[in-house]
């Protein structure tokens, strides 16, 4: 389990997006290119604000479908995965 965000990756040398788990290896990967943003550019709007849970979910499903998962597999995987992420835990922003 990632010590930075709980995404499940093994990396300890890089921060991961607290919404989707994407490694953010450079400031350009962070939302709004803001060095202190906890979320990646894919989970944020152009100003670095976290998108809605449904917008992020749709983007993640499309990503996993492109990796070869069926719609159903991608939806189940993403729904289970997002429940574990700090941005989407019960009582957090975006819920």
N, C-alpha and C. Protein backbone atom coordinates (compact mmCIF):
# COMPACT_ATOMS: atom_id res chain seq x y z
N UNK A 1 0.85 -1.19 0.00
CA UNK A 1 0.00 0.00 0.00
C UNK A 1 0.89 1.24 0.00
N UNK A 2 0.57 2.16 -0.84
CA UNK A 2 1.32 3.41 -0.94
C UNK A 2 1.22 4.19 0.37
N UNK A 3 2.35 4.63 0.86
CA UNK A 3 2.37 5.41 2.10
C UNK A 3 1.87 6.83 1.88
N UNK A 4 1.92 7.31 0.64
CA UNK A 4 1.53 8.69 0.36
C UNK A 4 0.02 8.88 0.31
N UNK A 5 -0.69 7.96 -0.33
CA UNK A 5 -2.14 8.19 -0.49
C UNK A 5 -2.99 6.95 -0.27
N UNK A 6 -2.40 5.78 -0.19
CA UNK A 6 -3.17 4.57 0.00
C UNK A 6 -3.66 3.96 -1.30
N UNK A 7 -3.07 4.33 -2.43
CA UNK A 7 -3.56 3.87 -3.73
C UNK A 7 -3.25 2.41 -4.02
N UNK A 8 -2.32 1.83 -3.32
CA UNK A 8 -2.01 0.43 -3.55
C UNK A 8 -0.72 0.20 -4.32
N UNK A 9 -0.09 1.25 -4.82
CA UNK A 9 1.16 1.05 -5.56
C UNK A 9 2.30 0.81 -4.58
N UNK A 10 3.42 0.37 -5.11
CA UNK A 10 4.59 0.05 -4.29
C UNK A 10 5.58 1.21 -4.22
N UNK A 11 5.33 2.28 -4.95
CA UNK A 11 6.31 3.37 -5.04
C UNK A 11 6.32 4.21 -3.77
N UNK A 12 7.51 4.56 -3.36
CA UNK A 12 7.66 5.41 -2.19
C UNK A 12 8.37 6.72 -2.55
N UNK A 13 8.82 6.81 -3.80
CA UNK A 13 9.63 7.94 -4.23
C UNK A 13 8.83 9.06 -4.89
N UNK A 14 7.53 8.89 -5.00
CA UNK A 14 6.72 9.88 -5.71
C UNK A 14 5.34 9.98 -5.07
N UNK A 15 4.77 11.18 -5.08
CA UNK A 15 3.40 11.35 -4.60
C UNK A 15 2.43 10.79 -5.64
N UNK A 16 1.32 10.28 -5.15
CA UNK A 16 0.27 9.80 -6.04
C UNK A 16 -0.97 10.65 -5.84
N UNK A 17 -1.76 10.78 -6.89
CA UNK A 17 -3.01 11.52 -6.82
C UNK A 17 -3.93 10.87 -5.79
N UNK A 18 -4.48 11.68 -4.90
CA UNK A 18 -5.37 11.16 -3.86
C UNK A 18 -6.77 10.88 -4.38
N UNK A 19 -7.00 11.12 -5.65
CA UNK A 19 -8.28 10.83 -6.27
C UNK A 19 -8.23 9.55 -7.09
N UNK A 20 -7.18 9.39 -7.91
CA UNK A 20 -7.11 8.23 -8.82
C UNK A 20 -5.88 7.36 -8.64
N UNK A 21 -4.88 7.82 -7.90
CA UNK A 21 -3.67 7.04 -7.68
C UNK A 21 -2.58 7.25 -8.71
N UNK A 22 -2.79 8.12 -9.67
CA UNK A 22 -1.79 8.39 -10.70
C UNK A 22 -0.51 8.92 -10.07
N UNK A 23 0.66 8.33 -10.39
CA UNK A 23 1.92 8.90 -9.90
C UNK A 23 2.11 10.30 -10.48
N UNK A 24 2.53 11.22 -9.64
CA UNK A 24 2.76 12.60 -10.08
C UNK A 24 4.26 12.88 -9.95
N UNK A 25 4.98 12.55 -11.02
CA UNK A 25 6.43 12.62 -11.00
C UNK A 25 6.98 14.01 -11.28
N UNK A 26 6.13 14.90 -11.74
CA UNK A 26 6.57 16.27 -12.01
C UNK A 26 5.43 17.23 -11.66
N UNK A 27 5.76 18.50 -11.51
CA UNK A 27 4.74 19.50 -11.18
C UNK A 27 3.70 19.59 -12.30
N UNK A 28 4.10 19.30 -13.52
CA UNK A 28 3.16 19.35 -14.65
C UNK A 28 2.07 18.29 -14.54
N UNK A 29 2.33 17.23 -13.79
CA UNK A 29 1.33 16.17 -13.60
C UNK A 29 0.30 16.54 -12.53
N UNK A 30 0.59 17.57 -11.75
CA UNK A 30 -0.33 17.98 -10.69
C UNK A 30 -1.39 18.93 -11.24
N UNK A 31 -2.57 18.86 -10.69
CA UNK A 31 -3.66 19.72 -11.13
C UNK A 31 -3.29 21.18 -11.12
N UNK A 32 -3.53 21.87 -12.23
CA UNK A 32 -3.21 23.28 -12.34
C UNK A 32 -1.73 23.57 -12.30
N UNK A 33 -0.90 22.52 -12.45
CA UNK A 33 0.56 22.62 -12.34
C UNK A 33 0.97 23.29 -11.03
N UNK A 34 0.18 23.03 -9.98
CA UNK A 34 0.46 23.58 -8.66
C UNK A 34 1.25 22.56 -7.85
N UNK A 35 2.45 22.92 -7.39
CA UNK A 35 3.32 21.95 -6.73
C UNK A 35 2.73 21.30 -5.48
N UNK A 36 1.78 21.95 -4.83
CA UNK A 36 1.22 21.39 -3.60
C UNK A 36 -0.14 20.70 -3.82
N UNK A 37 -0.57 20.57 -5.09
CA UNK A 37 -1.88 19.97 -5.36
C UNK A 37 -1.82 18.46 -5.09
N UNK A 38 -2.80 17.93 -4.37
CA UNK A 38 -2.88 16.51 -4.02
C UNK A 38 -3.46 15.68 -5.15
N UNK A 39 -3.96 16.36 -6.20
CA UNK A 39 -4.66 15.68 -7.28
C UNK A 39 -3.94 15.90 -8.61
N UNK A 40 -4.03 14.91 -9.49
CA UNK A 40 -3.36 14.99 -10.79
C UNK A 40 -4.14 15.85 -11.78
N UNK A 41 -3.49 16.14 -12.89
CA UNK A 41 -4.10 16.99 -13.91
C UNK A 41 -5.32 16.35 -14.55
N UNK A 42 -5.44 15.04 -14.49
CA UNK A 42 -6.59 14.36 -15.08
C UNK A 42 -7.82 14.44 -14.18
N UNK A 43 -7.61 14.59 -12.89
CA UNK A 43 -8.72 14.66 -11.93
C UNK A 43 -9.12 16.10 -11.62
N UNK A 44 -8.42 17.06 -12.20
CA UNK A 44 -8.68 18.48 -11.92
C UNK A 44 -9.10 19.23 -13.17
N UNK A 45 -9.75 20.36 -12.93
CA UNK A 45 -10.04 21.27 -14.04
C UNK A 45 -8.78 22.09 -14.32
N UNK A 46 -8.85 23.00 -15.27
CA UNK A 46 -7.67 23.78 -15.67
C UNK A 46 -7.11 24.66 -14.55
N UNK A 47 -7.93 24.94 -13.54
CA UNK A 47 -7.47 25.76 -12.41
C UNK A 47 -6.91 24.94 -11.25
N UNK A 48 -6.94 23.63 -11.40
CA UNK A 48 -6.41 22.77 -10.36
C UNK A 48 -7.43 22.33 -9.32
N UNK A 49 -8.71 22.59 -9.58
CA UNK A 49 -9.77 22.17 -8.66
C UNK A 49 -10.22 20.76 -8.99
N UNK A 50 -10.44 19.95 -7.98
CA UNK A 50 -10.88 18.58 -8.16
C UNK A 50 -12.22 18.53 -8.90
N UNK A 51 -12.28 17.69 -9.93
CA UNK A 51 -13.53 17.49 -10.67
C UNK A 51 -14.50 16.71 -9.79
N UNK A 52 -15.74 16.61 -10.23
CA UNK A 52 -16.73 15.83 -9.49
C UNK A 52 -16.35 14.35 -9.50
N UNK A 53 -16.86 13.65 -8.52
CA UNK A 53 -16.60 12.22 -8.44
C UNK A 53 -17.04 11.51 -9.72
N UNK A 54 -18.18 11.89 -10.25
CA UNK A 54 -18.69 11.24 -11.47
C UNK A 54 -17.79 11.52 -12.67
N UNK A 55 -17.27 12.74 -12.79
CA UNK A 55 -16.35 13.06 -13.90
C UNK A 55 -15.08 12.23 -13.80
N UNK A 56 -14.52 12.15 -12.59
CA UNK A 56 -13.30 11.36 -12.38
C UNK A 56 -13.59 9.89 -12.68
N UNK A 57 -14.72 9.40 -12.18
CA UNK A 57 -15.11 7.99 -12.40
C UNK A 57 -15.19 7.68 -13.89
N UNK A 58 -15.83 8.55 -14.66
CA UNK A 58 -15.96 8.32 -16.10
C UNK A 58 -14.59 8.26 -16.78
N UNK A 59 -13.71 9.18 -16.40
CA UNK A 59 -12.37 9.19 -16.98
C UNK A 59 -11.58 7.94 -16.65
N UNK A 60 -11.71 7.47 -15.41
CA UNK A 60 -11.00 6.26 -15.01
C UNK A 60 -11.56 5.04 -15.73
N UNK A 61 -12.87 4.97 -15.89
CA UNK A 61 -13.47 3.85 -16.61
C UNK A 61 -12.97 3.82 -18.05
N UNK A 62 -12.93 4.96 -18.70
CA UNK A 62 -12.42 5.01 -20.08
C UNK A 62 -10.96 4.56 -20.14
N UNK A 63 -10.16 4.97 -19.16
CA UNK A 63 -8.76 4.56 -19.12
C UNK A 63 -8.66 3.04 -19.04
N UNK A 64 -9.39 2.42 -18.12
CA UNK A 64 -9.30 0.97 -17.95
C UNK A 64 -9.90 0.21 -19.12
N UNK A 65 -10.89 0.76 -19.79
CA UNK A 65 -11.40 0.13 -21.00
C UNK A 65 -10.33 0.14 -22.08
N UNK A 66 -9.58 1.23 -22.18
CA UNK A 66 -8.49 1.31 -23.16
C UNK A 66 -7.38 0.31 -22.84
N UNK A 67 -7.31 -0.11 -21.58
CA UNK A 67 -6.32 -1.10 -21.16
C UNK A 67 -6.82 -2.53 -21.38
N UNK A 68 -8.05 -2.69 -21.90
CA UNK A 68 -8.56 -4.00 -22.25
C UNK A 68 -9.68 -4.54 -21.38
N UNK A 69 -10.09 -3.80 -20.36
CA UNK A 69 -11.20 -4.27 -19.52
C UNK A 69 -12.53 -3.99 -20.23
N UNK A 70 -13.52 -4.85 -19.95
CA UNK A 70 -14.86 -4.60 -20.47
C UNK A 70 -15.46 -3.44 -19.68
N UNK A 71 -16.58 -2.90 -20.17
CA UNK A 71 -17.27 -1.82 -19.46
C UNK A 71 -17.59 -2.26 -18.03
N UNK A 72 -18.15 -3.45 -17.89
CA UNK A 72 -18.54 -3.96 -16.57
C UNK A 72 -17.33 -4.15 -15.66
N UNK A 73 -16.26 -4.72 -16.18
CA UNK A 73 -15.04 -4.92 -15.39
C UNK A 73 -14.47 -3.58 -14.95
N UNK A 74 -14.42 -2.63 -15.88
CA UNK A 74 -13.87 -1.31 -15.57
C UNK A 74 -14.70 -0.60 -14.51
N UNK A 75 -16.02 -0.65 -14.63
CA UNK A 75 -16.89 0.00 -13.64
C UNK A 75 -16.69 -0.60 -12.25
N UNK A 76 -16.67 -1.92 -12.16
CA UNK A 76 -16.49 -2.57 -10.86
C UNK A 76 -15.13 -2.22 -10.26
N UNK A 77 -14.09 -2.32 -11.09
CA UNK A 77 -12.75 -2.01 -10.60
C UNK A 77 -12.67 -0.58 -10.09
N UNK A 78 -13.15 0.36 -10.89
CA UNK A 78 -13.08 1.78 -10.53
C UNK A 78 -13.90 2.07 -9.28
N UNK A 79 -15.09 1.53 -9.20
CA UNK A 79 -15.94 1.77 -8.03
C UNK A 79 -15.28 1.25 -6.76
N UNK A 80 -14.71 0.05 -6.82
CA UNK A 80 -14.02 -0.52 -5.65
C UNK A 80 -12.78 0.29 -5.30
N UNK A 81 -12.03 0.69 -6.31
CA UNK A 81 -10.79 1.43 -6.12
C UNK A 81 -11.04 2.81 -5.52
N UNK A 82 -12.03 3.52 -6.05
CA UNK A 82 -12.30 4.88 -5.59
C UNK A 82 -12.72 4.92 -4.12
N UNK A 83 -13.37 3.88 -3.65
CA UNK A 83 -13.78 3.83 -2.24
C UNK A 83 -12.59 3.90 -1.29
N UNK A 84 -11.43 3.48 -1.78
CA UNK A 84 -10.22 3.44 -0.94
C UNK A 84 -9.41 4.73 -1.00
N UNK A 85 -9.71 5.58 -1.95
CA UNK A 85 -8.90 6.77 -2.16
C UNK A 85 -9.32 7.90 -1.22
N UNK A 86 -8.34 8.64 -0.68
CA UNK A 86 -8.64 9.70 0.28
C UNK A 86 -9.67 10.72 -0.20
N UNK A 87 -9.65 11.07 -1.47
CA UNK A 87 -10.58 12.09 -1.98
C UNK A 87 -12.03 11.64 -1.93
N UNK A 88 -12.26 10.34 -1.95
CA UNK A 88 -13.62 9.83 -2.10
C UNK A 88 -14.11 9.01 -0.91
N UNK A 89 -13.33 8.95 0.14
CA UNK A 89 -13.82 8.23 1.32
C UNK A 89 -15.04 8.95 1.86
N UNK A 90 -15.92 8.21 2.50
CA UNK A 90 -17.16 8.78 3.02
C UNK A 90 -16.90 10.02 3.86
N UNK A 91 -17.67 11.07 3.59
CA UNK A 91 -17.54 12.31 4.33
C UNK A 91 -16.51 13.26 3.77
N UNK A 92 -15.84 12.86 2.68
CA UNK A 92 -14.83 13.72 2.07
C UNK A 92 -15.43 14.49 0.91
N UNK A 93 -14.64 15.43 0.37
CA UNK A 93 -15.08 16.26 -0.75
C UNK A 93 -15.50 15.39 -1.93
N UNK A 94 -16.42 15.90 -2.70
CA UNK A 94 -16.85 15.21 -3.91
C UNK A 94 -17.94 14.19 -3.70
N UNK A 95 -18.24 13.82 -2.47
CA UNK A 95 -19.27 12.81 -2.20
C UNK A 95 -20.64 13.39 -2.41
